[in-house]
Amino acid sequence: MRIVEKHKVMDDMGMKRALTRIAHEIIEKNKGVENVVIIGIRRRGGPLADRLGEIIRNIEGVDIPVGILDITLYRDDLTTLGPNPQVHRTEVNFNINDKVIVLVDDVLYTGRTVRAALDALIDIGRPRSIQLAVLVDRGHRELPIKADYIGKNTPTSKSEIITVKVEEIDGKDEVLIEEKLNE
């Protein structure tokens, strides 16, 4: 099987504009950022969460807590990841009780990653509410989960893949639609 790029959905400026819009929407919906914390789902949700925190800091002049959540042990496909799945640290070094959590992920697809993240957050504390921010919503939900903030809705077929690249991990910012080709 070979994966080929079909279309670039967002370049670095498109990602920056989407995150800036999401930051403004978070501020507006919550009437400011008092009691708001941002937690990114580990891997690419982490850098996106950091960026949202920085954008909000520049807009509101307030530092809000930003953390990273590892959901490995909460996944419903843990047994398919191999005999020794890679577990990383959750870095939520602040109290989430009675806070409004903005949970950040790169792509919303089936909803299973978000379900795992919700379970992980509830094990940490009892937030007032949890809001979901995603850079890309590609559809094909298997669970009743909906994002509160979406950078871009990008309908896809099940044979397509959304690949999000972030500077901090991949050396550049872009969102691609790729396709699996059976050869």
N, C-alpha and C. Protein backbone atom coordinates (compact mmCIF):
# COMPACT_ATOMS: atom_id res chain seq x y z
N MET A 1 0.84 -1.18 0.00
CA MET A 1 0.00 0.00 0.00
C MET A 1 0.89 1.24 0.00
N ARG A 2 0.48 2.21 -0.77
CA ARG A 2 1.22 3.46 -0.90
C ARG A 2 0.29 4.61 -0.53
N ILE A 3 0.85 5.64 0.12
CA ILE A 3 0.07 6.82 0.49
C ILE A 3 0.54 7.99 -0.36
N VAL A 4 -0.43 8.65 -1.01
CA VAL A 4 -0.09 9.78 -1.87
C VAL A 4 -0.85 11.03 -1.42
N GLU A 5 -0.19 12.16 -1.58
CA GLU A 5 -0.83 13.43 -1.24
C GLU A 5 -1.84 13.79 -2.33
N LYS A 6 -3.07 14.13 -1.89
CA LYS A 6 -4.09 14.55 -2.84
C LYS A 6 -4.28 16.06 -2.86
N HIS A 7 -4.24 16.65 -1.66
CA HIS A 7 -4.62 18.06 -1.57
C HIS A 7 -4.08 18.67 -0.28
N LYS A 8 -3.57 19.89 -0.36
CA LYS A 8 -3.17 20.61 0.85
C LYS A 8 -4.38 21.42 1.31
N VAL A 9 -4.85 21.11 2.51
CA VAL A 9 -6.03 21.76 3.07
C VAL A 9 -5.66 23.09 3.70
N MET A 10 -4.52 23.12 4.41
CA MET A 10 -4.07 24.35 5.07
C MET A 10 -2.55 24.44 5.00
N ASP A 11 -2.07 25.65 4.78
CA ASP A 11 -0.63 25.90 4.91
C ASP A 11 -0.40 26.54 6.28
N ASP A 12 0.81 27.02 6.53
CA ASP A 12 1.12 27.59 7.83
C ASP A 12 0.24 28.80 8.16
N MET A 13 -0.01 29.66 7.18
CA MET A 13 -0.86 30.84 7.44
C MET A 13 -2.30 30.43 7.68
N GLY A 14 -2.78 29.43 6.96
CA GLY A 14 -4.14 28.94 7.17
C GLY A 14 -4.31 28.37 8.58
N MET A 15 -3.30 27.63 9.05
CA MET A 15 -3.35 27.10 10.41
C MET A 15 -3.34 28.23 11.43
N LYS A 16 -2.51 29.23 11.20
CA LYS A 16 -2.43 30.36 12.13
C LYS A 16 -3.77 31.10 12.20
N ARG A 17 -4.38 31.33 11.04
CA ARG A 17 -5.68 32.01 11.01
C ARG A 17 -6.75 31.19 11.72
N ALA A 18 -6.75 29.87 11.49
CA ALA A 18 -7.75 29.00 12.14
C ALA A 18 -7.58 29.01 13.66
N LEU A 19 -6.35 28.92 14.13
CA LEU A 19 -6.11 28.93 15.58
C LEU A 19 -6.46 30.28 16.20
N THR A 20 -6.18 31.36 15.48
CA THR A 20 -6.55 32.70 15.97
C THR A 20 -8.06 32.83 16.09
N ARG A 21 -8.77 32.34 15.09
CA ARG A 21 -10.25 32.37 15.14
C ARG A 21 -10.76 31.55 16.31
N ILE A 22 -10.22 30.33 16.48
CA ILE A 22 -10.63 29.47 17.59
C ILE A 22 -10.38 30.18 18.92
N ALA A 23 -9.22 30.83 19.07
CA ALA A 23 -8.91 31.54 20.32
C ALA A 23 -9.95 32.62 20.59
N HIS A 24 -10.31 33.39 19.57
CA HIS A 24 -11.35 34.43 19.74
C HIS A 24 -12.69 33.80 20.13
N GLU A 25 -13.03 32.66 19.51
CA GLU A 25 -14.29 31.98 19.84
C GLU A 25 -14.29 31.48 21.28
N ILE A 26 -13.16 30.96 21.75
CA ILE A 26 -13.05 30.49 23.14
C ILE A 26 -13.29 31.66 24.10
N ILE A 27 -12.65 32.78 23.83
CA ILE A 27 -12.80 33.97 24.68
C ILE A 27 -14.24 34.44 24.67
N GLU A 28 -14.85 34.50 23.49
CA GLU A 28 -16.23 34.98 23.37
C GLU A 28 -17.21 34.05 24.07
N LYS A 29 -17.10 32.75 23.82
CA LYS A 29 -18.05 31.80 24.40
C LYS A 29 -17.98 31.78 25.93
N ASN A 30 -16.76 31.95 26.47
CA ASN A 30 -16.58 31.89 27.91
C ASN A 30 -16.58 33.25 28.59
N LYS A 31 -16.89 34.30 27.80
CA LYS A 31 -16.94 35.67 28.30
C LYS A 31 -15.64 36.03 29.03
N GLY A 32 -14.53 35.74 28.36
CA GLY A 32 -13.21 35.93 28.93
C GLY A 32 -12.57 34.57 29.16
N VAL A 33 -11.49 34.55 29.94
CA VAL A 33 -10.80 33.29 30.16
C VAL A 33 -10.62 32.95 31.64
N GLU A 34 -11.38 33.62 32.50
CA GLU A 34 -11.32 33.28 33.92
C GLU A 34 -11.80 31.83 34.10
N ASN A 35 -11.03 31.04 34.80
CA ASN A 35 -11.32 29.61 35.05
C ASN A 35 -11.19 28.73 33.82
N VAL A 36 -10.61 29.23 32.72
CA VAL A 36 -10.39 28.42 31.53
C VAL A 36 -8.97 27.87 31.56
N VAL A 37 -8.85 26.58 31.25
CA VAL A 37 -7.54 25.95 31.07
C VAL A 37 -7.56 25.23 29.73
N ILE A 38 -6.40 25.04 29.14
CA ILE A 38 -6.30 24.38 27.85
C ILE A 38 -5.46 23.12 28.02
N ILE A 39 -5.97 22.00 27.51
CA ILE A 39 -5.24 20.74 27.59
C ILE A 39 -5.23 20.10 26.21
N GLY A 40 -4.04 19.86 25.69
CA GLY A 40 -3.88 19.23 24.39
C GLY A 40 -3.71 17.73 24.52
N ILE A 41 -4.31 16.99 23.60
CA ILE A 41 -4.14 15.54 23.56
C ILE A 41 -2.78 15.26 22.92
N ARG A 42 -1.97 14.48 23.65
CA ARG A 42 -0.60 14.22 23.21
C ARG A 42 -0.57 13.65 21.83
N ARG A 43 0.04 14.07 21.10
CA ARG A 43 1.08 14.33 20.18
C ARG A 43 0.78 15.70 19.61
N ARG A 44 0.07 15.82 18.54
CA ARG A 44 -0.05 17.14 17.91
C ARG A 44 -1.04 18.08 18.58
N GLY A 45 -1.89 17.56 19.44
CA GLY A 45 -2.77 18.44 20.22
C GLY A 45 -1.99 19.29 21.21
N GLY A 46 -0.82 18.79 21.65
CA GLY A 46 0.01 19.54 22.59
C GLY A 46 0.52 20.85 22.03
N PRO A 47 1.21 20.83 20.89
CA PRO A 47 1.67 22.09 20.31
C PRO A 47 0.51 23.03 19.93
N LEU A 48 -0.60 22.47 19.47
CA LEU A 48 -1.75 23.31 19.13
C LEU A 48 -2.31 23.98 20.38
N ALA A 49 -2.34 23.25 21.51
CA ALA A 49 -2.80 23.82 22.78
C ALA A 49 -1.86 24.95 23.22
N ASP A 50 -0.55 24.72 23.10
CA ASP A 50 0.42 25.77 23.45
C ASP A 50 0.18 27.03 22.62
N ARG A 51 -0.06 26.84 21.34
CA ARG A 51 -0.28 27.98 20.45
C ARG A 51 -1.55 28.73 20.83
N LEU A 52 -2.62 27.99 21.14
CA LEU A 52 -3.86 28.65 21.56
C LEU A 52 -3.63 29.45 22.84
N GLY A 53 -2.89 28.87 23.78
CA GLY A 53 -2.58 29.59 25.02
C GLY A 53 -1.83 30.89 24.75
N GLU A 54 -0.88 30.83 23.83
CA GLU A 54 -0.09 32.01 23.47
C GLU A 54 -0.96 33.07 22.78
N ILE A 55 -1.83 32.64 21.87
CA ILE A 55 -2.71 33.59 21.17
C ILE A 55 -3.64 34.25 22.16
N ILE A 56 -4.21 33.46 23.06
CA ILE A 56 -5.12 34.03 24.08
C ILE A 56 -4.35 35.00 24.98
N ARG A 57 -3.13 34.67 25.34
CA ARG A 57 -2.30 35.55 26.16
C ARG A 57 -2.10 36.89 25.45
N ASN A 58 -1.85 36.83 24.13
CA ASN A 58 -1.64 38.07 23.37
C ASN A 58 -2.91 38.90 23.24
N ILE A 59 -4.07 38.24 23.21
CA ILE A 59 -5.33 38.96 23.07
C ILE A 59 -5.79 39.52 24.41
N GLU A 60 -5.78 38.67 25.45
CA GLU A 60 -6.36 39.03 26.74
C GLU A 60 -5.35 39.55 27.75
N GLY A 61 -4.05 39.34 27.49
CA GLY A 61 -3.05 39.76 28.46
C GLY A 61 -3.02 38.90 29.71
N VAL A 62 -3.50 37.67 29.61
CA VAL A 62 -3.60 36.76 30.76
C VAL A 62 -2.96 35.43 30.39
N ASP A 63 -2.12 34.92 31.30
CA ASP A 63 -1.58 33.57 31.12
C ASP A 63 -2.60 32.57 31.62
N ILE A 64 -3.00 31.65 30.75
CA ILE A 64 -3.89 30.59 31.22
C ILE A 64 -3.11 29.28 31.23
N PRO A 65 -3.42 28.40 32.18
CA PRO A 65 -2.69 27.13 32.25
C PRO A 65 -2.89 26.28 31.00
N VAL A 66 -1.79 25.68 30.54
CA VAL A 66 -1.83 24.79 29.38
C VAL A 66 -1.15 23.48 29.79
N GLY A 67 -1.81 22.35 29.46
CA GLY A 67 -1.24 21.05 29.78
C GLY A 67 -1.33 20.10 28.60
N ILE A 68 -0.73 18.91 28.81
CA ILE A 68 -0.74 17.87 27.78
C ILE A 68 -1.25 16.58 28.42
N LEU A 69 -2.16 15.92 27.74
CA LEU A 69 -2.80 14.71 28.24
C LEU A 69 -2.38 13.52 27.39
N ASP A 70 -1.84 12.48 28.05
CA ASP A 70 -1.55 11.23 27.35
C ASP A 70 -2.72 10.29 27.57
N ILE A 71 -3.28 9.77 26.49
CA ILE A 71 -4.48 8.92 26.59
C ILE A 71 -4.20 7.46 26.28
N THR A 72 -2.95 7.09 26.14
CA THR A 72 -2.60 5.75 25.69
C THR A 72 -3.34 4.66 26.45
N LEU A 73 -3.32 4.71 27.76
CA LEU A 73 -3.94 3.64 28.56
C LEU A 73 -5.47 3.69 28.58
N TYR A 74 -6.05 4.73 28.01
CA TYR A 74 -7.51 4.87 27.97
C TYR A 74 -8.10 4.49 26.62
N ARG A 75 -7.25 4.14 25.66
CA ARG A 75 -7.72 3.82 24.31
C ARG A 75 -8.48 2.49 24.29
N ASP A 76 -9.50 2.41 23.45
CA ASP A 76 -10.25 1.16 23.34
C ASP A 76 -9.59 0.19 22.36
N ASP A 77 -8.50 0.62 21.71
CA ASP A 77 -7.76 -0.26 20.80
C ASP A 77 -6.36 -0.56 21.34
N LEU A 78 -6.20 -0.47 22.65
CA LEU A 78 -4.89 -0.65 23.27
C LEU A 78 -4.24 -1.97 22.90
N THR A 79 -5.04 -3.03 22.82
CA THR A 79 -4.48 -4.35 22.52
C THR A 79 -3.97 -4.45 21.09
N THR A 80 -4.42 -3.59 20.20
CA THR A 80 -3.96 -3.63 18.81
C THR A 80 -2.69 -2.82 18.60
N LEU A 81 -2.24 -2.10 19.64
CA LEU A 81 -1.05 -1.25 19.51
C LEU A 81 0.24 -2.03 19.67
N GLY A 82 0.13 -3.32 20.02
CA GLY A 82 1.32 -4.14 20.21
C GLY A 82 1.49 -4.49 21.68
N PRO A 83 2.47 -5.32 21.98
CA PRO A 83 2.62 -5.82 23.35
C PRO A 83 3.10 -4.76 24.34
N ASN A 84 3.82 -3.75 23.89
CA ASN A 84 4.34 -2.71 24.78
C ASN A 84 4.03 -1.32 24.23
N PRO A 85 2.77 -0.86 24.39
CA PRO A 85 2.44 0.47 23.86
C PRO A 85 3.27 1.55 24.55
N GLN A 86 3.62 2.58 23.80
CA GLN A 86 4.43 3.68 24.30
C GLN A 86 3.55 4.61 25.14
N VAL A 87 3.83 4.67 26.44
CA VAL A 87 3.08 5.55 27.34
C VAL A 87 3.96 6.75 27.68
N HIS A 88 3.40 7.94 27.55
CA HIS A 88 4.11 9.17 27.86
C HIS A 88 3.48 9.82 29.09
N ARG A 89 4.12 10.85 29.58
CA ARG A 89 3.59 11.54 30.76
C ARG A 89 2.44 12.46 30.40
N THR A 90 1.46 12.49 31.30
CA THR A 90 0.46 13.53 31.26
C THR A 90 1.05 14.71 32.01
N GLU A 91 0.99 15.87 31.41
CA GLU A 91 1.57 17.07 32.03
C GLU A 91 0.48 18.09 32.29
N VAL A 92 -0.32 17.80 33.31
CA VAL A 92 -1.36 18.72 33.76
C VAL A 92 -0.98 19.09 35.19
N ASN A 93 -0.17 20.14 35.32
CA ASN A 93 0.40 20.53 36.61
C ASN A 93 -0.42 21.63 37.27
N PHE A 94 -1.73 21.53 37.14
CA PHE A 94 -2.63 22.50 37.75
C PHE A 94 -3.94 21.78 38.07
N ASN A 95 -4.70 22.38 38.95
CA ASN A 95 -5.97 21.82 39.39
C ASN A 95 -7.02 22.03 38.29
N ILE A 96 -7.72 20.98 37.93
CA ILE A 96 -8.78 21.13 36.91
C ILE A 96 -10.18 21.15 37.54
N ASN A 97 -10.27 20.98 38.86
CA ASN A 97 -11.57 20.99 39.52
C ASN A 97 -12.26 22.33 39.32
N ASP A 98 -13.51 22.28 38.90
CA ASP A 98 -14.36 23.45 38.67
C ASP A 98 -13.81 24.39 37.59
N LYS A 99 -12.94 23.90 36.73
CA LYS A 99 -12.41 24.70 35.62
C LYS A 99 -13.16 24.37 34.33
N VAL A 100 -13.13 25.30 33.41
CA VAL A 100 -13.60 25.04 32.05
C VAL A 100 -12.38 24.57 31.28
N ILE A 101 -12.42 23.31 30.85
CA ILE A 101 -11.30 22.75 30.10
C ILE A 101 -11.59 22.87 28.61
N VAL A 102 -10.65 23.42 27.88
CA VAL A 102 -10.71 23.37 26.42
C VAL A 102 -9.73 22.26 26.02
N LEU A 103 -10.30 21.14 25.59
CA LEU A 103 -9.53 19.99 25.15
C LEU A 103 -9.18 20.19 23.68
N VAL A 104 -7.90 20.02 23.32
CA VAL A 104 -7.44 20.34 21.96
C VAL A 104 -6.89 19.10 21.29
N ASP A 105 -7.34 18.85 20.06
CA ASP A 105 -6.78 17.77 19.25
C ASP A 105 -6.61 18.27 17.82
N ASP A 106 -5.80 17.55 17.05
CA ASP A 106 -5.56 17.98 15.68
C ASP A 106 -6.71 17.60 14.76
N VAL A 107 -7.16 16.33 14.81
CA VAL A 107 -8.21 15.85 13.90
C VAL A 107 -9.30 15.15 14.69
N LEU A 108 -10.54 15.48 14.40
CA LEU A 108 -11.69 14.75 14.96
C LEU A 108 -12.22 13.84 13.86
N TYR A 109 -12.22 12.54 14.17
CA TYR A 109 -12.62 11.53 13.19
C TYR A 109 -13.74 10.69 13.79
N THR A 110 -13.43 9.55 14.36
CA THR A 110 -14.46 8.66 14.91
C THR A 110 -14.99 9.14 16.25
N GLY A 111 -14.20 9.89 16.98
CA GLY A 111 -14.57 10.35 18.31
C GLY A 111 -13.95 9.50 19.41
N ARG A 112 -13.29 8.42 19.05
CA ARG A 112 -12.74 7.50 20.05
C ARG A 112 -11.57 8.11 20.83
N THR A 113 -10.75 8.91 20.19
CA THR A 113 -9.66 9.58 20.90
C THR A 113 -10.22 10.54 21.94
N VAL A 114 -11.24 11.29 21.57
CA VAL A 114 -11.85 12.24 22.50
C VAL A 114 -12.51 11.49 23.66
N ARG A 115 -13.17 10.37 23.39
CA ARG A 115 -13.77 9.58 24.47
C ARG A 115 -12.71 9.15 25.46
N ALA A 116 -11.57 8.68 24.96
CA ALA A 116 -10.46 8.28 25.83
C ALA A 116 -9.95 9.48 26.64
N ALA A 117 -9.86 10.64 26.01
CA ALA A 117 -9.40 11.84 26.71
C ALA A 117 -10.37 12.25 27.81
N LEU A 118 -11.66 12.13 27.55
CA LEU A 118 -12.66 12.47 28.57
C LEU A 118 -12.49 11.57 29.79
N ASP A 119 -12.31 10.27 29.56
CA ASP A 119 -12.08 9.33 30.67
C ASP A 119 -10.83 9.73 31.45
N ALA A 120 -9.75 10.07 30.75
CA ALA A 120 -8.50 10.45 31.41
C ALA A 120 -8.68 11.72 32.24
N LEU A 121 -9.40 12.70 31.71
CA LEU A 121 -9.62 13.95 32.44
C LEU A 121 -10.43 13.72 33.71
N ILE A 122 -11.45 12.91 33.62
CA ILE A 122 -12.31 12.64 34.78
C ILE A 122 -11.52 11.93 35.88
N ASP A 123 -10.50 11.15 35.50
CA ASP A 123 -9.64 10.52 36.50
C ASP A 123 -8.74 11.55 37.20
N ILE A 124 -8.50 12.69 36.57
CA ILE A 124 -7.64 13.73 37.16
C ILE A 124 -8.43 14.62 38.11
N GLY A 125 -9.68 14.91 37.76
CA GLY A 125 -10.47 15.82 38.59
C GLY A 125 -11.88 15.97 38.05
N ARG A 126 -12.58 16.96 38.60
CA ARG A 126 -13.98 17.19 38.22
C ARG A 126 -14.14 18.61 37.66
N PRO A 127 -13.95 18.73 36.34
CA PRO A 127 -14.07 20.06 35.74
C PRO A 127 -15.52 20.55 35.73
N ARG A 128 -15.68 21.87 35.64
CA ARG A 128 -17.02 22.45 35.51
C ARG A 128 -17.62 22.04 34.16
N SER A 129 -16.78 22.12 33.11
CA SER A 129 -17.22 21.69 31.78
C SER A 129 -15.99 21.39 30.94
N ILE A 130 -16.22 20.65 29.86
CA ILE A 130 -15.16 20.34 28.91
C ILE A 130 -15.65 20.74 27.53
N GLN A 131 -14.86 21.59 26.86
CA GLN A 131 -15.16 22.01 25.50
C GLN A 131 -14.09 21.41 24.60
N LEU A 132 -14.46 21.12 23.36
CA LEU A 132 -13.54 20.48 22.43
C LEU A 132 -13.19 21.43 21.28
N ALA A 133 -11.87 21.60 21.07
CA ALA A 133 -11.36 22.39 19.95
C ALA A 133 -10.52 21.48 19.07
N VAL A 134 -10.82 21.45 17.77
CA VAL A 134 -10.05 20.65 16.83
C VAL A 134 -9.64 21.51 15.64
N LEU A 135 -8.47 21.21 15.11
CA LEU A 135 -8.02 21.93 13.92
C LEU A 135 -8.83 21.50 12.71
N VAL A 136 -9.10 20.18 12.59
CA VAL A 136 -9.83 19.64 11.43
C VAL A 136 -10.89 18.65 11.92
N ASP A 137 -12.11 18.81 11.42
CA ASP A 137 -13.17 17.82 11.63
C ASP A 137 -13.41 17.16 10.29
N ARG A 138 -13.12 15.85 10.21
CA ARG A 138 -13.22 15.15 8.93
C ARG A 138 -14.48 14.29 8.81
N GLY A 139 -15.32 14.27 9.84
CA GLY A 139 -16.54 13.47 9.77
C GLY A 139 -16.31 12.02 10.13
N HIS A 140 -17.29 11.17 9.83
CA HIS A 140 -17.24 9.72 10.06
C HIS A 140 -17.29 9.36 11.55
N ARG A 141 -18.08 10.08 12.34
CA ARG A 141 -18.17 9.82 13.77
C ARG A 141 -18.74 8.45 14.06
N GLU A 142 -18.16 7.76 15.04
CA GLU A 142 -18.67 6.49 15.55
C GLU A 142 -19.26 6.66 16.94
N LEU A 143 -18.98 7.78 17.58
CA LEU A 143 -19.50 8.09 18.90
C LEU A 143 -20.16 9.46 18.85
N PRO A 144 -21.11 9.73 19.75
CA PRO A 144 -21.82 11.01 19.71
C PRO A 144 -20.99 12.15 20.31
N ILE A 145 -19.96 12.55 19.58
CA ILE A 145 -19.05 13.60 20.03
C ILE A 145 -19.00 14.68 18.96
N LYS A 146 -19.08 15.93 19.42
CA LYS A 146 -19.10 17.08 18.51
C LYS A 146 -18.16 18.15 19.05
N ALA A 147 -17.38 18.76 18.17
CA ALA A 147 -16.46 19.82 18.58
C ALA A 147 -17.20 21.14 18.80
N ASP A 148 -16.73 21.89 19.79
CA ASP A 148 -17.26 23.24 20.05
C ASP A 148 -16.57 24.26 19.15
N TYR A 149 -15.30 24.00 18.82
CA TYR A 149 -14.51 24.92 18.01
C TYR A 149 -13.80 24.10 16.93
N ILE A 150 -13.97 24.52 15.69
CA ILE A 150 -13.41 23.77 14.55
C ILE A 150 -12.64 24.73 13.66
N GLY A 151 -11.39 24.38 13.37
CA GLY A 151 -10.59 25.18 12.45
C GLY A 151 -11.09 25.06 11.03
N LYS A 152 -11.38 23.82 10.61
CA LYS A 152 -11.86 23.58 9.25
C LYS A 152 -12.61 22.26 9.19
N ASN A 153 -13.80 22.29 8.63
CA ASN A 153 -14.54 21.07 8.31
C ASN A 153 -14.04 20.57 6.97
N THR A 154 -13.58 19.32 6.95
CA THR A 154 -13.02 18.76 5.73
C THR A 154 -13.61 17.37 5.51
N PRO A 155 -14.73 17.28 4.79
CA PRO A 155 -15.31 15.95 4.53
C PRO A 155 -14.32 15.07 3.77
N THR A 156 -14.24 13.82 4.16
CA THR A 156 -13.30 12.89 3.55
C THR A 156 -13.99 11.56 3.29
N SER A 157 -13.36 10.75 2.46
CA SER A 157 -13.80 9.36 2.33
C SER A 157 -13.00 8.55 3.34
N LYS A 158 -13.44 7.34 3.61
CA LYS A 158 -12.73 6.51 4.59
C LYS A 158 -11.36 6.06 4.08
N SER A 159 -11.14 6.12 2.77
CA SER A 159 -9.82 5.73 2.24
C SER A 159 -8.82 6.88 2.34
N GLU A 160 -9.31 8.07 2.66
CA GLU A 160 -8.43 9.22 2.78
C GLU A 160 -7.92 9.37 4.21
N ILE A 161 -6.79 10.04 4.32
CA ILE A 161 -6.16 10.30 5.61
C ILE A 161 -5.93 11.80 5.71
N ILE A 162 -6.22 12.36 6.89
CA ILE A 162 -5.85 13.75 7.15
C ILE A 162 -4.54 13.71 7.92
N THR A 163 -3.53 14.38 7.41
CA THR A 163 -2.23 14.45 8.06
C THR A 163 -1.98 15.89 8.48
N VAL A 164 -1.85 16.08 9.79
CA VAL A 164 -1.53 17.39 10.32
C VAL A 164 -0.05 17.39 10.68
N LYS A 165 0.66 18.38 10.18
CA LYS A 165 2.08 18.54 10.51
C LYS A 165 2.22 19.85 11.27
N VAL A 166 2.99 19.79 12.36
CA VAL A 166 3.25 20.99 13.14
C VAL A 166 4.76 21.21 13.23
N GLU A 167 5.14 22.46 13.22
CA GLU A 167 6.56 22.85 13.23
C GLU A 167 7.32 22.16 14.36
N GLU A 168 6.72 22.11 15.54
CA GLU A 168 7.40 21.58 16.72
C GLU A 168 7.78 20.10 16.60
N ILE A 169 7.04 19.34 15.81
CA ILE A 169 7.28 17.90 15.67
C ILE A 169 7.80 17.56 14.27
N ASP A 170 7.19 18.17 13.25
CA ASP A 170 7.44 17.78 11.86
C ASP A 170 8.31 18.76 11.08
N GLY A 171 8.63 19.90 11.67
CA GLY A 171 9.47 20.88 10.98
C GLY A 171 8.72 21.83 10.07
N LYS A 172 7.40 21.66 9.93
CA LYS A 172 6.59 22.60 9.16
C LYS A 172 5.13 22.46 9.55
N ASP A 173 4.35 23.49 9.23
CA ASP A 173 2.92 23.52 9.52
C ASP A 173 2.14 23.32 8.23
N GLU A 174 1.31 22.28 8.19
CA GLU A 174 0.41 22.09 7.07
C GLU A 174 -0.58 20.98 7.40
N VAL A 175 -1.70 20.99 6.69
CA VAL A 175 -2.69 19.94 6.79
C VAL A 175 -2.91 19.40 5.39
N LEU A 176 -2.77 18.07 5.25
CA LEU A 176 -2.88 17.42 3.95
C LEU A 176 -3.99 16.38 3.95
N ILE A 177 -4.62 16.21 2.79
CA ILE A 177 -5.44 15.03 2.57
C ILE A 177 -4.59 14.08 1.74
N GLU A 178 -4.44 12.87 2.25
CA GLU A 178 -3.68 11.86 1.55
C GLU A 178 -4.59 10.66 1.31
N GLU A 179 -4.21 9.81 0.37
CA GLU A 179 -5.03 8.64 0.07
C GLU A 179 -4.19 7.39 0.06
N LYS A 180 -4.79 6.33 0.60
CA LYS A 180 -4.15 5.01 0.56
C LYS A 180 -4.45 4.36 -0.77
N LEU A 181 -3.39 3.96 -1.48
CA LEU A 181 -3.57 3.29 -2.76
C LEU A 181 -3.09 1.84 -2.62
N ASN A 182 -3.95 0.91 -2.99
CA ASN A 182 -3.55 -0.49 -3.00
C ASN A 182 -2.86 -0.79 -4.33
N GLU A 183 -1.66 -1.27 -4.25
CA GLU A 183 -0.93 -1.55 -5.48
C GLU A 183 -0.58 -3.01 -5.57
